[in-house]
Amino acid sequence: QVQLVESGGGSVQAGGSLRLSCTYSGGSMDVMGWYRQAPGKQRESVAEMDRSGTPSYADSLKGRFTISREPGRNLMYLEMSSLKAEDTAVYYCYAERYPYQYWGQGTQVTVSS
């Protein structure tokens, strides 16, 4: 049984930082990452990391967001800095073990200007 649980969301002022955490269980994954969905918009990819630890980011977020993992502790993080109002969204942890995808319940991030 794969389970993903996000934490660390909240409210922050523009220019501030937050760190999201994802605790997962159910075995190793091929890819893990973060998506977000803003009100009235489609869910979009934020960052992901493959089994080798290679990260990739949405072009618009490079330099502000950093994804990392602690496989030994079944943890994944998303460090977010220089936050903007447009970063306000529900952030979802996801994992992929081919051919299946798994999702957390999401955590709200609200950035006020």
C-alpha atoms as a PDB file:
ATOM      1  CA  GLN A   1       0.000   0.000   0.000  1.00  0.00           C
ATOM      2  CA  VAL A   2       1.564   3.264  -1.140  1.00  0.00           C
ATOM      3  CA  GLN A   3       0.833   6.328   0.956  1.00  0.00           C
ATOM      4  CA  LEU A   4       2.044   9.878   0.515  1.00  0.00           C
ATOM      5  CA  VAL A   5       1.471  12.550   3.144  1.00  0.00           C
ATOM      6  CA  GLU A   6       2.432  16.183   2.668  1.00  0.00           C
ATOM      7  CA  SER A   7       3.140  18.695   5.413  1.00  0.00           C
ATOM      8  CA  GLY A   8       4.631  22.142   5.797  1.00  0.00           C
ATOM      9  CA  GLY A   9       2.155  24.255   3.909  1.00  0.00           C
ATOM     10  CA  GLY A  10       0.843  27.511   5.284  1.00  0.00           C
ATOM     11  CA  SER A  11       0.665  31.239   4.769  1.00  0.00           C
ATOM     12  CA  VAL A  12       3.690  33.395   4.049  1.00  0.00           C
ATOM     13  CA  GLN A  13       4.340  36.888   2.788  1.00  0.00           C
ATOM     14  CA  ALA A  14       5.774  37.506  -0.641  1.00  0.00           C
ATOM     15  CA  GLY A  15       9.526  37.102  -0.614  1.00  0.00           C
ATOM     16  CA  GLY A  16       9.405  34.512   2.142  1.00  0.00           C
ATOM     17  CA  SER A  17      10.290  30.833   2.176  1.00  0.00           C
ATOM     18  CA  LEU A  18       8.618  27.539   2.995  1.00  0.00           C
ATOM     19  CA  ARG A  19       9.696  23.927   3.061  1.00  0.00           C
ATOM     20  CA  LEU A  20       7.218  21.226   2.177  1.00  0.00           C
ATOM     21  CA  SER A  21       7.762  17.644   3.245  1.00  0.00           C
ATOM     22  CA  CYS A  22       6.358  14.418   1.870  1.00  0.00           C
ATOM     23  CA  THR A  23       6.482  11.233   3.891  1.00  0.00           C
ATOM     24  CA  TYR A  24       5.939   8.122   1.826  1.00  0.00           C
ATOM     25  CA  SER A  25       5.556   4.429   2.420  1.00  0.00           C
ATOM     26  CA  GLY A  26       5.072   1.382   0.284  1.00  0.00           C
ATOM     27  CA  GLY A  27       8.481   0.789  -1.209  1.00  0.00           C
ATOM     28  CA  SER A  28      10.913   2.515  -3.508  1.00  0.00           C
ATOM     29  CA  MET A  29       9.723   4.642  -6.401  1.00  0.00           C
ATOM     30  CA  ASP A  30      11.016   5.281  -9.894  1.00  0.00           C
ATOM     31  CA  VAL A  31      10.164   8.980  -9.836  1.00  0.00           C
ATOM     32  CA  MET A  32       8.955  11.312  -7.126  1.00  0.00           C
ATOM     33  CA  GLY A  33       7.969  14.915  -7.383  1.00  0.00           C
ATOM     34  CA  TRP A  34       5.704  17.826  -6.677  1.00  0.00           C
ATOM     35  CA  TYR A  35       2.760  19.255  -8.577  1.00  0.00           C
ATOM     36  CA  ARG A  36       0.607  22.248  -7.753  1.00  0.00           C
ATOM     37  CA  GLN A  37      -2.848  23.464  -8.633  1.00  0.00           C
ATOM     38  CA  ALA A  38      -3.893  27.079  -8.307  1.00  0.00           C
ATOM     39  CA  PRO A  39      -7.567  28.091  -8.154  1.00  0.00           C
ATOM     40  CA  GLY A  40      -9.154  27.886 -11.587  1.00  0.00           C
ATOM     41  CA  LYS A  41      -6.026  26.414 -13.180  1.00  0.00           C
ATOM     42  CA  GLN A  42      -4.840  22.987 -14.225  1.00  0.00           C
ATOM     43  CA  ARG A  43      -2.482  20.979 -12.097  1.00  0.00           C
ATOM     44  CA  GLU A  44       1.103  21.616 -13.188  1.00  0.00           C
ATOM     45  CA  SER A  45       4.428  19.991 -12.548  1.00  0.00           C
ATOM     46  CA  VAL A  46       6.759  21.822 -10.181  1.00  0.00           C
ATOM     47  CA  ALA A  47       9.751  19.519  -9.778  1.00  0.00           C
ATOM     48  CA  GLU A  48      10.645  15.869  -9.863  1.00  0.00           C
ATOM     49  CA  MET A  49      13.541  13.598  -9.073  1.00  0.00           C
ATOM     50  CA  ASP A  50      14.306  10.210 -10.566  1.00  0.00           C
ATOM     51  CA  ARG A  51      15.698   7.154  -8.828  1.00  0.00           C
ATOM     52  CA  SER A  52      19.273   8.281  -9.453  1.00  0.00           C
ATOM     53  CA  GLY A  53      18.612  11.578  -7.695  1.00  0.00           C
ATOM     54  CA  THR A  54      18.612  13.745 -10.803  1.00  0.00           C
ATOM     55  CA  PRO A  55      16.231  16.692 -10.360  1.00  0.00           C
ATOM     56  CA  SER A  56      14.247  18.560 -12.955  1.00  0.00           C
ATOM     57  CA  TYR A  57      12.181  21.705 -12.602  1.00  0.00           C
ATOM     58  CA  ALA A  58       9.524  23.699 -14.351  1.00  0.00           C
ATOM     59  CA  ASP A  59      11.432  26.367 -16.267  1.00  0.00           C
ATOM     60  CA  SER A  60       9.592  29.216 -14.547  1.00  0.00           C
ATOM     61  CA  LEU A  61      10.590  27.955 -11.082  1.00  0.00           C
ATOM     62  CA  LYS A  62      14.276  27.226 -11.566  1.00  0.00           C
ATOM     63  CA  GLY A  63      16.431  28.999  -9.033  1.00  0.00           C
ATOM     64  CA  ARG A  64      13.644  29.469  -6.505  1.00  0.00           C
ATOM     65  CA  PHE A  65      12.522  25.892  -5.791  1.00  0.00           C
ATOM     66  CA  THR A  66      14.710  22.949  -4.784  1.00  0.00           C
ATOM     67  CA  ILE A  67      13.637  19.325  -4.566  1.00  0.00           C
ATOM     68  CA  SER A  68      15.502  16.824  -2.430  1.00  0.00           C
ATOM     69  CA  ARG A  69      15.033  13.351  -1.015  1.00  0.00           C
ATOM     70  CA  GLU A  70      16.145  11.293   1.950  1.00  0.00           C
ATOM     71  CA  PRO A  71      15.432   7.775   0.708  1.00  0.00           C
ATOM     72  CA  GLY A  72      16.639   6.180   3.937  1.00  0.00           C
ATOM     73  CA  ARG A  73      13.975   8.092   5.823  1.00  0.00           C
ATOM     74  CA  ASN A  74      11.300   7.947   3.101  1.00  0.00           C
ATOM     75  CA  LEU A  75      11.184  11.716   2.923  1.00  0.00           C
ATOM     76  CA  MET A  76      11.051  14.190   0.080  1.00  0.00           C
ATOM     77  CA  TYR A  77      11.237  17.956   0.353  1.00  0.00           C
ATOM     78  CA  LEU A  78      10.445  21.040  -1.661  1.00  0.00           C
ATOM     79  CA  GLU A  79      12.316  24.134  -0.557  1.00  0.00           C
ATOM     80  CA  MET A  80      10.613  27.267  -1.872  1.00  0.00           C
ATOM     81  CA  SER A  81      12.170  30.708  -1.655  1.00  0.00           C
ATOM     82  CA  SER A  82      11.402  34.216  -2.940  1.00  0.00           C
ATOM     83  CA  LEU A  83       7.773  33.217  -2.961  1.00  0.00           C
ATOM     84  CA  LYS A  84       5.324  35.185  -5.062  1.00  0.00           C
ATOM     85  CA  ALA A  85       1.570  35.585  -4.887  1.00  0.00           C
ATOM     86  CA  GLU A  86       1.281  33.453  -8.029  1.00  0.00           C
ATOM     87  CA  ASP A  87       2.859  30.541  -6.145  1.00  0.00           C
ATOM     88  CA  THR A  88      -0.369  30.268  -4.147  1.00  0.00           C
ATOM     89  CA  ALA A  89      -1.751  26.796  -4.789  1.00  0.00           C
ATOM     90  CA  VAL A  90      -2.372  23.376  -3.348  1.00  0.00           C
ATOM     91  CA  TYR A  91       0.874  21.431  -3.591  1.00  0.00           C
ATOM     92  CA  TYR A  92       0.758  17.689  -4.158  1.00  0.00           C
ATOM     93  CA  CYS A  93       3.385  15.073  -3.599  1.00  0.00           C
ATOM     94  CA  TYR A  94       3.364  12.337  -6.204  1.00  0.00           C
ATOM     95  CA  ALA A  95       5.237   9.143  -6.884  1.00  0.00           C
ATOM     96  CA  GLU A  96       5.506   6.851  -9.845  1.00  0.00           C
ATOM     97  CA  ARG A  97       6.299   3.175  -9.932  1.00  0.00           C
ATOM     98  CA  TYR A  98       5.763   2.233 -13.512  1.00  0.00           C
ATOM     99  CA  PRO A  99       2.995   2.026 -14.664  1.00  0.00           C
ATOM    100  CA  TYR A 100       1.266   3.426 -11.589  1.00  0.00           C
ATOM    101  CA  GLN A 101       1.092   6.932 -10.129  1.00  0.00           C
ATOM    102  CA  TYR A 102       0.280   7.819  -6.556  1.00  0.00           C
ATOM    103  CA  TRP A 103      -0.796  11.123  -5.032  1.00  0.00           C
ATOM    104  CA  GLY A 104      -0.907  12.755  -1.629  1.00  0.00           C
ATOM    105  CA  GLN A 105      -3.892  14.720  -0.407  1.00  0.00           C
ATOM    106  CA  GLY A 106      -2.222  18.090  -0.947  1.00  0.00           C
ATOM    107  CA  THR A 107      -1.127  20.951   1.264  1.00  0.00           C
ATOM    108  CA  GLN A 108      -2.163  24.576   0.834  1.00  0.00           C
ATOM    109  CA  VAL A 109       0.422  27.283   0.284  1.00  0.00           C
ATOM    110  CA  THR A 110      -0.816  30.859   0.384  1.00  0.00           C
ATOM    111  CA  VAL A 111       1.484  33.758  -0.457  1.00  0.00           C
ATOM    112  CA  SER A 112       0.229  37.233   0.357  1.00  0.00           C
ATOM    113  CA  SER A 113       1.581  40.305  -1.355  1.00  0.00           C
END
